[in-house]
Amino acid sequence: MSLLRHAFPGPVAVMGDIHGSAEALAELLGALGEIPIIVLGDVADRGRDSRGVLEQLVARRAIGVRGNHDDWLLAWARGEGFDPIALSEIMGGRATLNSYGVTGESTAAIEAERFKVPAAHV
């Protein structure tokens, strides 16, 4: 088993459960300046702009781990199938799909639109 190790010369920001809140994340990142970001999962779903969250985290070269919300997004984006549980109200996956411009309603239609997720987000 390989373990990645990162050394940071100063403070870092550790955050989790961003849940598609790109506007709040932008405000937080602005206040933090350029310190490294470590994410503890659940960047997607519920909030209206999961795509915007991922764009900011990619731009900041954030590192971290995926949460269950991120796992379904990644599996779908990789072509490993779409889990309809993501569309449940508690998961909030429809908001993530909307942020990527996915309009399909059926599992097959949603799977056909996975190309809308940029490679950098996968």
N, C-alpha and C. Protein backbone atom coordinates (compact mmCIF):
# COMPACT_ATOMS: atom_id res chain seq x y z
N MET A 1 0.84 -1.18 0.00
CA MET A 1 0.00 0.00 0.00
C MET A 1 0.89 1.24 0.00
N SER A 2 0.58 2.15 -0.88
CA SER A 2 1.35 3.38 -1.00
C SER A 2 0.65 4.50 -0.22
N LEU A 3 1.41 5.26 0.49
CA LEU A 3 0.87 6.38 1.24
C LEU A 3 1.52 7.65 0.75
N LEU A 4 0.71 8.57 0.26
CA LEU A 4 1.24 9.86 -0.18
C LEU A 4 1.46 10.75 1.04
N ARG A 5 2.57 11.41 1.05
CA ARG A 5 2.88 12.32 2.14
C ARG A 5 3.14 13.70 1.57
N HIS A 6 2.64 14.67 2.23
CA HIS A 6 2.84 16.05 1.82
C HIS A 6 3.41 16.83 2.99
N ALA A 7 4.41 17.61 2.72
CA ALA A 7 4.97 18.48 3.74
C ALA A 7 4.60 19.92 3.38
N PHE A 8 4.14 20.65 4.34
CA PHE A 8 3.75 22.03 4.11
C PHE A 8 4.62 22.94 4.97
N PRO A 9 5.13 24.01 4.38
CA PRO A 9 6.04 24.90 5.12
C PRO A 9 5.33 25.81 6.13
N GLY A 10 4.02 25.84 6.08
CA GLY A 10 3.28 26.73 6.98
C GLY A 10 1.87 26.23 7.19
N PRO A 11 0.97 27.13 7.51
CA PRO A 11 -0.41 26.72 7.78
C PRO A 11 -1.11 26.17 6.54
N VAL A 12 -2.10 25.33 6.79
CA VAL A 12 -2.95 24.78 5.74
C VAL A 12 -4.41 24.97 6.16
N ALA A 13 -5.30 24.94 5.19
CA ALA A 13 -6.74 24.99 5.48
C ALA A 13 -7.30 23.61 5.22
N VAL A 14 -8.04 23.09 6.18
CA VAL A 14 -8.67 21.78 6.06
C VAL A 14 -10.17 22.01 6.09
N MET A 15 -10.86 21.49 5.06
CA MET A 15 -12.31 21.72 4.98
C MET A 15 -13.02 20.51 4.40
N GLY A 16 -14.25 20.37 4.75
CA GLY A 16 -15.07 19.29 4.23
C GLY A 16 -16.51 19.74 4.08
N ASP A 17 -17.29 18.91 3.44
CA ASP A 17 -18.72 19.16 3.27
C ASP A 17 -19.02 20.51 2.62
N ILE A 18 -18.35 20.78 1.53
CA ILE A 18 -18.58 22.02 0.78
C ILE A 18 -19.92 21.95 0.05
N HIS A 19 -20.28 20.76 -0.39
CA HIS A 19 -21.59 20.48 -1.00
C HIS A 19 -22.06 21.51 -2.02
N GLY A 20 -21.24 21.79 -3.00
CA GLY A 20 -21.67 22.62 -4.12
C GLY A 20 -21.85 24.10 -3.82
N SER A 21 -21.33 24.57 -2.71
CA SER A 21 -21.48 25.98 -2.33
C SER A 21 -20.29 26.79 -2.84
N ALA A 22 -20.26 27.01 -4.13
CA ALA A 22 -19.13 27.69 -4.77
C ALA A 22 -18.96 29.13 -4.29
N GLU A 23 -20.04 29.81 -4.07
CA GLU A 23 -19.97 31.21 -3.64
C GLU A 23 -19.33 31.31 -2.25
N ALA A 24 -19.76 30.46 -1.33
CA ALA A 24 -19.19 30.46 0.02
C ALA A 24 -17.73 30.04 -0.02
N LEU A 25 -17.42 29.06 -0.88
CA LEU A 25 -16.03 28.61 -1.01
C LEU A 25 -15.16 29.74 -1.53
N ALA A 26 -15.63 30.48 -2.52
CA ALA A 26 -14.85 31.59 -3.08
C ALA A 26 -14.56 32.63 -2.00
N GLU A 27 -15.54 32.91 -1.18
CA GLU A 27 -15.34 33.88 -0.10
C GLU A 27 -14.30 33.36 0.90
N LEU A 28 -14.40 32.10 1.25
CA LEU A 28 -13.45 31.50 2.19
C LEU A 28 -12.04 31.48 1.60
N LEU A 29 -11.92 31.05 0.35
CA LEU A 29 -10.60 31.00 -0.28
C LEU A 29 -9.98 32.39 -0.37
N GLY A 30 -10.79 33.38 -0.64
CA GLY A 30 -10.29 34.75 -0.68
C GLY A 30 -9.74 35.19 0.66
N ALA A 31 -10.41 34.79 1.74
CA ALA A 31 -9.94 35.15 3.08
C ALA A 31 -8.70 34.37 3.48
N LEU A 32 -8.54 33.17 2.94
CA LEU A 32 -7.39 32.33 3.30
C LEU A 32 -6.11 32.71 2.57
N GLY A 33 -6.24 33.40 1.46
CA GLY A 33 -5.05 33.71 0.68
C GLY A 33 -4.56 32.48 -0.05
N GLU A 34 -3.27 32.32 -0.12
CA GLU A 34 -2.68 31.26 -0.94
C GLU A 34 -2.23 30.03 -0.15
N ILE A 35 -2.71 29.83 1.05
CA ILE A 35 -2.28 28.66 1.81
C ILE A 35 -2.85 27.39 1.17
N PRO A 36 -2.17 26.27 1.33
CA PRO A 36 -2.64 25.01 0.75
C PRO A 36 -4.01 24.59 1.31
N ILE A 37 -4.76 23.89 0.46
CA ILE A 37 -6.10 23.44 0.82
C ILE A 37 -6.13 21.91 0.87
N ILE A 38 -6.66 21.37 1.95
CA ILE A 38 -6.88 19.94 2.09
C ILE A 38 -8.39 19.75 2.26
N VAL A 39 -8.97 18.91 1.42
CA VAL A 39 -10.41 18.69 1.41
C VAL A 39 -10.72 17.31 1.98
N LEU A 40 -11.71 17.27 2.86
CA LEU A 40 -12.10 16.02 3.51
C LEU A 40 -13.42 15.48 2.97
N GLY A 41 -13.66 15.69 1.71
CA GLY A 41 -14.78 15.04 1.04
C GLY A 41 -16.07 15.84 1.00
N ASP A 42 -16.97 15.31 0.19
CA ASP A 42 -18.30 15.87 -0.05
C ASP A 42 -18.25 17.30 -0.59
N VAL A 43 -17.56 17.44 -1.73
CA VAL A 43 -17.51 18.74 -2.39
C VAL A 43 -18.74 18.93 -3.29
N ALA A 44 -19.36 17.84 -3.70
CA ALA A 44 -20.48 17.90 -4.64
C ALA A 44 -21.84 17.74 -3.94
N ASP A 45 -22.87 18.05 -4.72
CA ASP A 45 -24.28 17.83 -4.35
C ASP A 45 -24.84 18.91 -3.44
N ARG A 46 -26.15 18.94 -3.44
CA ARG A 46 -26.97 19.83 -2.61
C ARG A 46 -26.89 21.29 -3.02
N GLY A 47 -25.73 21.91 -2.97
CA GLY A 47 -25.59 23.30 -3.39
C GLY A 47 -25.72 23.41 -4.89
N ARG A 48 -25.92 24.61 -5.37
CA ARG A 48 -26.25 24.78 -6.79
C ARG A 48 -25.06 24.78 -7.74
N ASP A 49 -23.81 24.77 -7.22
CA ASP A 49 -22.69 24.92 -8.14
C ASP A 49 -21.51 24.00 -7.82
N SER A 50 -21.74 22.70 -7.89
CA SER A 50 -20.65 21.74 -7.67
C SER A 50 -19.55 21.93 -8.70
N ARG A 51 -19.93 22.24 -9.93
CA ARG A 51 -18.92 22.49 -10.96
C ARG A 51 -18.01 23.65 -10.55
N GLY A 52 -18.60 24.72 -10.06
CA GLY A 52 -17.81 25.87 -9.62
C GLY A 52 -16.90 25.54 -8.44
N VAL A 53 -17.37 24.69 -7.55
CA VAL A 53 -16.54 24.25 -6.43
C VAL A 53 -15.32 23.51 -6.96
N LEU A 54 -15.56 22.55 -7.86
CA LEU A 54 -14.45 21.77 -8.40
C LEU A 54 -13.48 22.64 -9.20
N GLU A 55 -14.00 23.62 -9.94
CA GLU A 55 -13.12 24.52 -10.68
C GLU A 55 -12.20 25.27 -9.73
N GLN A 56 -12.73 25.74 -8.62
CA GLN A 56 -11.91 26.47 -7.65
C GLN A 56 -10.88 25.57 -6.99
N LEU A 57 -11.29 24.36 -6.63
CA LEU A 57 -10.37 23.45 -5.96
C LEU A 57 -9.26 22.99 -6.90
N VAL A 58 -9.61 22.74 -8.15
CA VAL A 58 -8.59 22.37 -9.14
C VAL A 58 -7.62 23.54 -9.34
N ALA A 59 -8.14 24.74 -9.46
CA ALA A 59 -7.29 25.92 -9.65
C ALA A 59 -6.35 26.13 -8.47
N ARG A 60 -6.80 25.80 -7.28
CA ARG A 60 -5.98 25.95 -6.08
C ARG A 60 -5.11 24.73 -5.82
N ARG A 61 -5.23 23.71 -6.67
CA ARG A 61 -4.45 22.47 -6.53
C ARG A 61 -4.67 21.83 -5.16
N ALA A 62 -5.93 21.84 -4.73
CA ALA A 62 -6.30 21.24 -3.46
C ALA A 62 -6.06 19.73 -3.51
N ILE A 63 -5.76 19.17 -2.35
CA ILE A 63 -5.61 17.73 -2.22
C ILE A 63 -6.61 17.25 -1.18
N GLY A 64 -6.80 15.94 -1.11
CA GLY A 64 -7.67 15.43 -0.07
C GLY A 64 -8.26 14.09 -0.44
N VAL A 65 -9.40 13.83 0.15
CA VAL A 65 -10.10 12.56 -0.05
C VAL A 65 -11.52 12.83 -0.53
N ARG A 66 -12.10 11.81 -1.15
CA ARG A 66 -13.48 11.91 -1.62
C ARG A 66 -14.44 11.46 -0.52
N GLY A 67 -15.61 12.04 -0.57
CA GLY A 67 -16.71 11.60 0.28
C GLY A 67 -17.67 10.78 -0.57
N ASN A 68 -18.73 10.30 0.03
CA ASN A 68 -19.69 9.47 -0.70
C ASN A 68 -20.35 10.24 -1.85
N HIS A 69 -20.60 11.51 -1.68
CA HIS A 69 -21.20 12.31 -2.76
C HIS A 69 -20.23 12.41 -3.95
N ASP A 70 -18.96 12.53 -3.64
CA ASP A 70 -17.95 12.64 -4.69
C ASP A 70 -17.72 11.30 -5.38
N ASP A 71 -17.87 10.21 -4.63
CA ASP A 71 -17.70 8.87 -5.21
C ASP A 71 -18.71 8.61 -6.32
N TRP A 72 -19.98 8.97 -6.10
CA TRP A 72 -20.96 8.71 -7.16
C TRP A 72 -20.69 9.59 -8.37
N LEU A 73 -20.30 10.85 -8.13
CA LEU A 73 -19.99 11.75 -9.24
C LEU A 73 -18.83 11.20 -10.06
N LEU A 74 -17.79 10.76 -9.40
CA LEU A 74 -16.62 10.22 -10.08
C LEU A 74 -16.96 8.95 -10.85
N ALA A 75 -17.70 8.05 -10.24
CA ALA A 75 -18.07 6.79 -10.92
C ALA A 75 -18.87 7.10 -12.19
N TRP A 76 -19.81 8.02 -12.09
CA TRP A 76 -20.61 8.39 -13.26
C TRP A 76 -19.73 9.05 -14.32
N ALA A 77 -18.89 10.00 -13.91
CA ALA A 77 -18.04 10.72 -14.87
C ALA A 77 -17.05 9.79 -15.56
N ARG A 78 -16.64 8.73 -14.89
CA ARG A 78 -15.72 7.76 -15.48
C ARG A 78 -16.43 6.73 -16.36
N GLY A 79 -17.74 6.76 -16.40
CA GLY A 79 -18.48 5.80 -17.22
C GLY A 79 -18.73 4.48 -16.52
N GLU A 80 -18.69 4.50 -15.19
CA GLU A 80 -18.91 3.28 -14.42
C GLU A 80 -20.37 3.11 -14.01
N GLY A 81 -21.23 3.94 -14.58
CA GLY A 81 -22.66 3.86 -14.30
C GLY A 81 -23.13 4.99 -13.41
N PHE A 82 -24.40 5.30 -13.53
CA PHE A 82 -25.02 6.34 -12.73
C PHE A 82 -25.90 5.69 -11.67
N ASP A 83 -25.70 6.07 -10.43
CA ASP A 83 -26.48 5.54 -9.32
C ASP A 83 -27.69 6.44 -9.08
N PRO A 84 -28.89 5.96 -9.36
CA PRO A 84 -30.09 6.79 -9.21
C PRO A 84 -30.30 7.32 -7.79
N ILE A 85 -29.67 6.70 -6.79
CA ILE A 85 -29.80 7.21 -5.42
C ILE A 85 -29.28 8.64 -5.32
N ALA A 86 -28.41 9.02 -6.23
CA ALA A 86 -27.87 10.38 -6.24
C ALA A 86 -28.97 11.42 -6.45
N LEU A 87 -30.08 11.01 -7.05
CA LEU A 87 -31.16 11.94 -7.32
C LEU A 87 -32.13 12.08 -6.15
N SER A 88 -31.91 11.31 -5.09
CA SER A 88 -32.79 11.43 -3.93
C SER A 88 -32.62 12.82 -3.31
N GLU A 89 -33.64 13.26 -2.64
CA GLU A 89 -33.61 14.59 -2.05
C GLU A 89 -32.45 14.74 -1.05
N ILE A 90 -32.20 13.71 -0.29
CA ILE A 90 -31.14 13.80 0.72
C ILE A 90 -29.74 13.86 0.11
N MET A 91 -29.55 13.21 -1.04
CA MET A 91 -28.25 13.26 -1.71
C MET A 91 -28.07 14.57 -2.48
N GLY A 92 -29.09 15.04 -3.14
CA GLY A 92 -29.02 16.32 -3.83
C GLY A 92 -28.22 16.33 -5.12
N GLY A 93 -28.14 15.17 -5.77
CA GLY A 93 -27.36 15.05 -7.00
C GLY A 93 -27.89 15.80 -8.19
N ARG A 94 -29.18 16.09 -8.20
CA ARG A 94 -29.74 16.85 -9.34
C ARG A 94 -29.07 18.21 -9.43
N ALA A 95 -28.76 18.82 -8.30
CA ALA A 95 -28.08 20.12 -8.31
C ALA A 95 -26.72 20.01 -8.98
N THR A 96 -26.01 18.92 -8.72
CA THR A 96 -24.70 18.72 -9.36
C THR A 96 -24.87 18.54 -10.85
N LEU A 97 -25.82 17.72 -11.25
CA LEU A 97 -26.06 17.52 -12.68
C LEU A 97 -26.40 18.84 -13.35
N ASN A 98 -27.26 19.61 -12.73
CA ASN A 98 -27.63 20.92 -13.29
C ASN A 98 -26.42 21.82 -13.45
N SER A 99 -25.49 21.76 -12.50
CA SER A 99 -24.32 22.64 -12.58
C SER A 99 -23.44 22.30 -13.77
N TYR A 100 -23.54 21.07 -14.27
CA TYR A 100 -22.80 20.66 -15.45
C TYR A 100 -23.65 20.74 -16.73
N GLY A 101 -24.86 21.22 -16.60
CA GLY A 101 -25.73 21.35 -17.77
C GLY A 101 -26.35 20.03 -18.21
N VAL A 102 -26.41 19.07 -17.31
CA VAL A 102 -27.02 17.77 -17.62
C VAL A 102 -28.53 17.90 -17.45
N THR A 103 -29.25 17.59 -18.52
CA THR A 103 -30.70 17.76 -18.51
C THR A 103 -31.47 16.45 -18.54
N GLY A 104 -30.77 15.34 -18.73
CA GLY A 104 -31.44 14.04 -18.82
C GLY A 104 -32.20 13.71 -17.57
N GLU A 105 -33.29 12.97 -17.75
CA GLU A 105 -34.12 12.55 -16.62
C GLU A 105 -33.92 11.08 -16.30
N SER A 106 -33.77 10.26 -17.31
CA SER A 106 -33.59 8.82 -17.09
C SER A 106 -32.12 8.52 -16.83
N THR A 107 -31.88 7.37 -16.23
CA THR A 107 -30.49 6.96 -15.98
C THR A 107 -29.70 6.92 -17.28
N ALA A 108 -30.28 6.36 -18.32
CA ALA A 108 -29.58 6.27 -19.61
C ALA A 108 -29.27 7.66 -20.17
N ALA A 109 -30.23 8.58 -20.06
CA ALA A 109 -30.01 9.93 -20.58
C ALA A 109 -28.93 10.65 -19.77
N ILE A 110 -28.93 10.45 -18.47
CA ILE A 110 -27.91 11.07 -17.62
C ILE A 110 -26.55 10.48 -17.95
N GLU A 111 -26.48 9.18 -18.11
CA GLU A 111 -25.20 8.55 -18.46
C GLU A 111 -24.67 9.07 -19.79
N ALA A 112 -25.56 9.36 -20.72
CA ALA A 112 -25.15 9.84 -22.04
C ALA A 112 -24.56 11.25 -21.98
N GLU A 113 -24.80 11.97 -20.90
CA GLU A 113 -24.31 13.34 -20.79
C GLU A 113 -23.07 13.48 -19.91
N ARG A 114 -22.47 12.38 -19.53
CA ARG A 114 -21.30 12.46 -18.65
C ARG A 114 -20.12 13.18 -19.29
N PHE A 115 -20.11 13.28 -20.61
CA PHE A 115 -19.05 13.99 -21.32
C PHE A 115 -18.99 15.46 -20.91
N LYS A 116 -20.02 15.97 -20.28
CA LYS A 116 -20.06 17.38 -19.89
C LYS A 116 -19.18 17.69 -18.67
N VAL A 117 -18.70 16.66 -18.00
CA VAL A 117 -17.79 16.86 -16.87
C VAL A 117 -16.37 16.98 -17.42
N PRO A 118 -15.70 18.12 -17.20
CA PRO A 118 -14.34 18.28 -17.71
C PRO A 118 -13.37 17.24 -17.12
N ALA A 119 -12.41 16.84 -17.91
CA ALA A 119 -11.43 15.85 -17.46
C ALA A 119 -10.74 16.27 -16.17
N ALA A 120 -10.48 17.55 -16.00
CA ALA A 120 -9.82 18.04 -14.78
C ALA A 120 -10.65 17.79 -13.54
N HIS A 121 -11.96 17.67 -13.69
CA HIS A 121 -12.84 17.42 -12.56
C HIS A 121 -12.89 15.95 -12.20
N VAL A 122 -12.53 15.11 -13.14
CA VAL A 122 -12.52 13.67 -12.89
C VAL A 122 -11.25 13.30 -12.14
